[in-house]
């Protein structure tokens, strides 16, 4: 009887600990991403455009054709790669699912949300149009960086 009560308390304690970890994961991840982002200026590139999203932070150096990325799934590392490795940069705008842009890096899809809400938002006016414009601007920057990188390779 005492052992079953003790076992139940241990299980409740473990469940509470896991719940606390899940709740704090989002804030811990963003702290690690912010700390890693402070090191971006130490790199020999001119990342003059950046975009922060739930998935991480994207940095673009159009002049040198380089892309930097700090992923929320790997927040301790700055990933830097040649923009010639990206493909199919596109904007997706939906009143139901939000506005985002995405691109493929060596076949892996990277998505950056510019508008994510729990309400239906028109993509033709106000905040929706602004989010579409921002996504389109970053798609253009990605394509410009890719063109610059491919020009340097040729």
Protein backbone atom coordinates (compact mmCIF):
# COMPACT_ATOMS: atom_id res chain seq x y z
CA UNK A 1 0.00 0.00 0.00
CA UNK A 2 2.75 2.45 0.95
CA UNK A 3 4.78 1.45 -2.10
CA UNK A 4 1.85 1.99 -4.45
CA UNK A 5 1.28 5.50 -3.02
CA UNK A 6 4.98 6.27 -3.31
CA UNK A 7 5.02 4.95 -6.87
CA UNK A 8 2.02 7.14 -7.73
CA UNK A 9 3.76 10.22 -6.31
CA UNK A 10 6.88 9.46 -8.34
CA UNK A 11 4.81 9.12 -11.51
CA UNK A 12 3.02 12.41 -10.80
CA UNK A 13 6.39 14.07 -10.18
CA UNK A 14 7.78 12.76 -13.47
CA UNK A 15 4.66 13.91 -15.33
CA UNK A 16 4.95 17.40 -13.80
CA UNK A 17 8.64 17.56 -14.71
CA UNK A 18 7.90 16.60 -18.33
CA UNK A 19 5.11 19.19 -18.47
CA UNK A 20 7.45 21.90 -17.19
CA UNK A 21 10.07 20.89 -19.78
CA UNK A 22 7.52 21.06 -22.58
CA UNK A 23 6.28 24.48 -21.48
CA UNK A 24 9.77 25.90 -21.07
CA UNK A 25 11.14 24.37 -24.29
CA UNK A 26 9.84 27.24 -26.42
CA UNK A 27 11.36 29.91 -24.21
CA UNK A 28 14.63 27.99 -23.76
CA UNK A 29 14.98 27.49 -27.49
CA UNK A 30 14.46 31.18 -28.20
CA UNK A 31 17.08 32.06 -25.58
CA UNK A 32 19.63 29.76 -27.24
CA UNK A 33 18.78 31.15 -30.69
CA UNK A 34 19.22 34.74 -29.43
CA UNK A 35 22.54 33.88 -27.78
CA UNK A 36 23.81 32.22 -30.96
CA UNK A 37 22.61 35.18 -33.05
CA UNK A 38 25.00 37.46 -31.17
CA UNK A 39 27.89 35.61 -32.86
CA UNK A 40 26.66 36.37 -36.39
CA UNK A 41 28.73 39.58 -36.59
CA UNK A 42 31.91 37.56 -36.03
CA UNK A 43 31.46 35.85 -39.40
CA UNK A 44 33.22 37.24 -42.49
CA UNK A 45 29.95 37.89 -44.33
CA UNK A 46 27.73 40.94 -44.69
CA UNK A 47 24.34 39.58 -43.67
CA UNK A 48 22.36 42.74 -44.44
CA UNK A 49 18.93 41.06 -44.37
CA UNK A 50 17.52 38.85 -41.65
CA UNK A 51 14.19 37.30 -40.82
CA UNK A 52 13.16 35.80 -37.50
CA UNK A 53 10.45 33.17 -37.31
CA UNK A 54 9.42 30.30 -35.06
CA UNK A 55 11.68 28.02 -37.08
CA UNK A 56 14.77 30.14 -36.46
CA UNK A 57 16.57 33.13 -37.93
CA UNK A 58 17.48 33.44 -41.60
CA UNK A 59 20.35 35.72 -42.68
CA UNK A 60 20.98 36.69 -46.30
CA UNK A 61 24.16 38.15 -47.81
CA UNK A 62 23.15 38.97 -51.38
CA UNK A 63 26.50 40.52 -52.28
CA UNK A 64 28.48 37.36 -51.51
CA UNK A 65 25.69 34.89 -52.29
CA UNK A 66 25.70 33.38 -48.80
CA UNK A 67 22.88 32.30 -46.50
CA UNK A 68 23.10 31.95 -42.72
CA UNK A 69 20.54 30.06 -40.66
CA UNK A 70 20.06 29.42 -36.96
CA UNK A 71 17.48 26.68 -36.64
CA UNK A 72 15.22 26.34 -33.62
CA UNK A 73 16.00 22.62 -33.81
CA UNK A 74 19.75 23.26 -33.62
CA UNK A 75 19.93 26.61 -31.80
CA UNK A 76 23.59 26.42 -30.80
CA UNK A 77 25.00 26.43 -34.35
CA UNK A 78 25.07 29.02 -37.12
CA UNK A 79 24.71 27.18 -40.40
CA UNK A 80 26.28 29.06 -43.31
CA UNK A 81 25.94 27.85 -46.88
CA UNK A 82 26.33 29.01 -50.45
CA UNK A 83 23.05 30.31 -51.87
CA UNK A 84 23.55 28.25 -55.04
CA UNK A 85 22.40 25.26 -52.97
CA UNK A 86 18.86 26.63 -52.54
CA UNK A 87 15.99 25.91 -54.88
CA UNK A 88 12.32 26.77 -55.39
CA UNK A 89 12.00 29.81 -53.13
CA UNK A 90 8.29 30.63 -53.06
CA UNK A 91 5.62 32.50 -51.12
CA UNK A 92 2.50 30.70 -49.93
CA UNK A 93 -0.41 32.88 -48.82
CA UNK A 94 -3.57 31.44 -47.35
CA UNK A 95 -6.30 33.07 -45.31
CA UNK A 96 -6.68 29.81 -43.36
CA UNK A 97 -3.10 28.61 -42.78
CA UNK A 98 -1.20 31.91 -42.77
CA UNK A 99 1.52 33.43 -44.90
CA UNK A 100 4.97 31.93 -45.30
CA UNK A 101 7.88 31.61 -47.64
CA UNK A 102 9.91 28.50 -48.13
CA UNK A 103 12.91 27.21 -50.01
CA UNK A 104 14.70 23.92 -50.39
CA UNK A 105 18.28 23.48 -49.22
CA UNK A 106 19.77 20.35 -50.77
CA UNK A 107 16.26 18.91 -50.97
CA UNK A 108 15.24 19.78 -47.40
CA UNK A 109 12.34 22.21 -47.09
CA UNK A 110 12.87 25.23 -44.84
CA UNK A 111 9.72 27.22 -44.03
CA UNK A 112 9.61 30.69 -42.51
CA UNK A 113 6.21 31.95 -41.33
CA UNK A 114 5.52 35.66 -41.86
CA UNK A 115 1.98 35.50 -40.48
CA UNK A 116 0.55 32.83 -38.22
CA UNK A 117 -2.73 33.47 -36.46
CA UNK A 118 -5.67 31.58 -35.06
CA UNK A 119 -8.10 33.74 -37.08
CA UNK A 120 -8.89 33.99 -40.76
CA UNK A 121 -6.95 36.94 -42.17
CA UNK A 122 -7.47 38.31 -45.67
CA UNK A 123 -4.25 38.26 -47.65
CA UNK A 124 -5.46 41.21 -49.72
CA UNK A 125 -5.68 43.89 -47.06
CA UNK A 126 -4.02 45.12 -43.89
CA UNK A 127 -1.81 42.75 -41.96
CA UNK A 128 -2.26 39.95 -44.52
CA UNK A 129 -1.03 42.07 -47.42
CA UNK A 130 1.94 43.24 -45.34
CA UNK A 131 2.87 39.62 -44.54
CA UNK A 132 2.64 38.65 -48.23
CA UNK A 133 4.80 41.63 -49.17
CA UNK A 134 7.42 40.65 -46.58
CA UNK A 135 7.44 37.03 -47.78
CA UNK A 136 7.77 38.16 -51.42
CA UNK A 137 10.67 40.46 -50.49
CA UNK A 138 12.58 37.61 -48.84
CA UNK A 139 11.92 35.30 -51.78
CA UNK A 140 13.42 37.99 -54.04
CA UNK A 141 16.43 38.32 -51.73
CA UNK A 142 16.95 34.54 -51.72
CA UNK A 143 16.75 34.42 -55.52
CA UNK A 144 19.14 37.38 -55.84
CA UNK A 145 21.63 35.71 -53.50
CA UNK A 146 21.32 32.49 -55.50
CA UNK A 147 21.95 34.34 -58.78
CA UNK A 148 24.98 36.06 -57.26
CA UNK A 149 26.35 32.76 -55.94
CA UNK A 150 25.85 31.00 -59.27
CA UNK A 151 27.56 33.92 -61.05
CA UNK A 152 30.61 33.49 -58.82
CA UNK A 153 30.77 29.76 -59.48
CA UNK A 154 30.59 30.08 -63.30
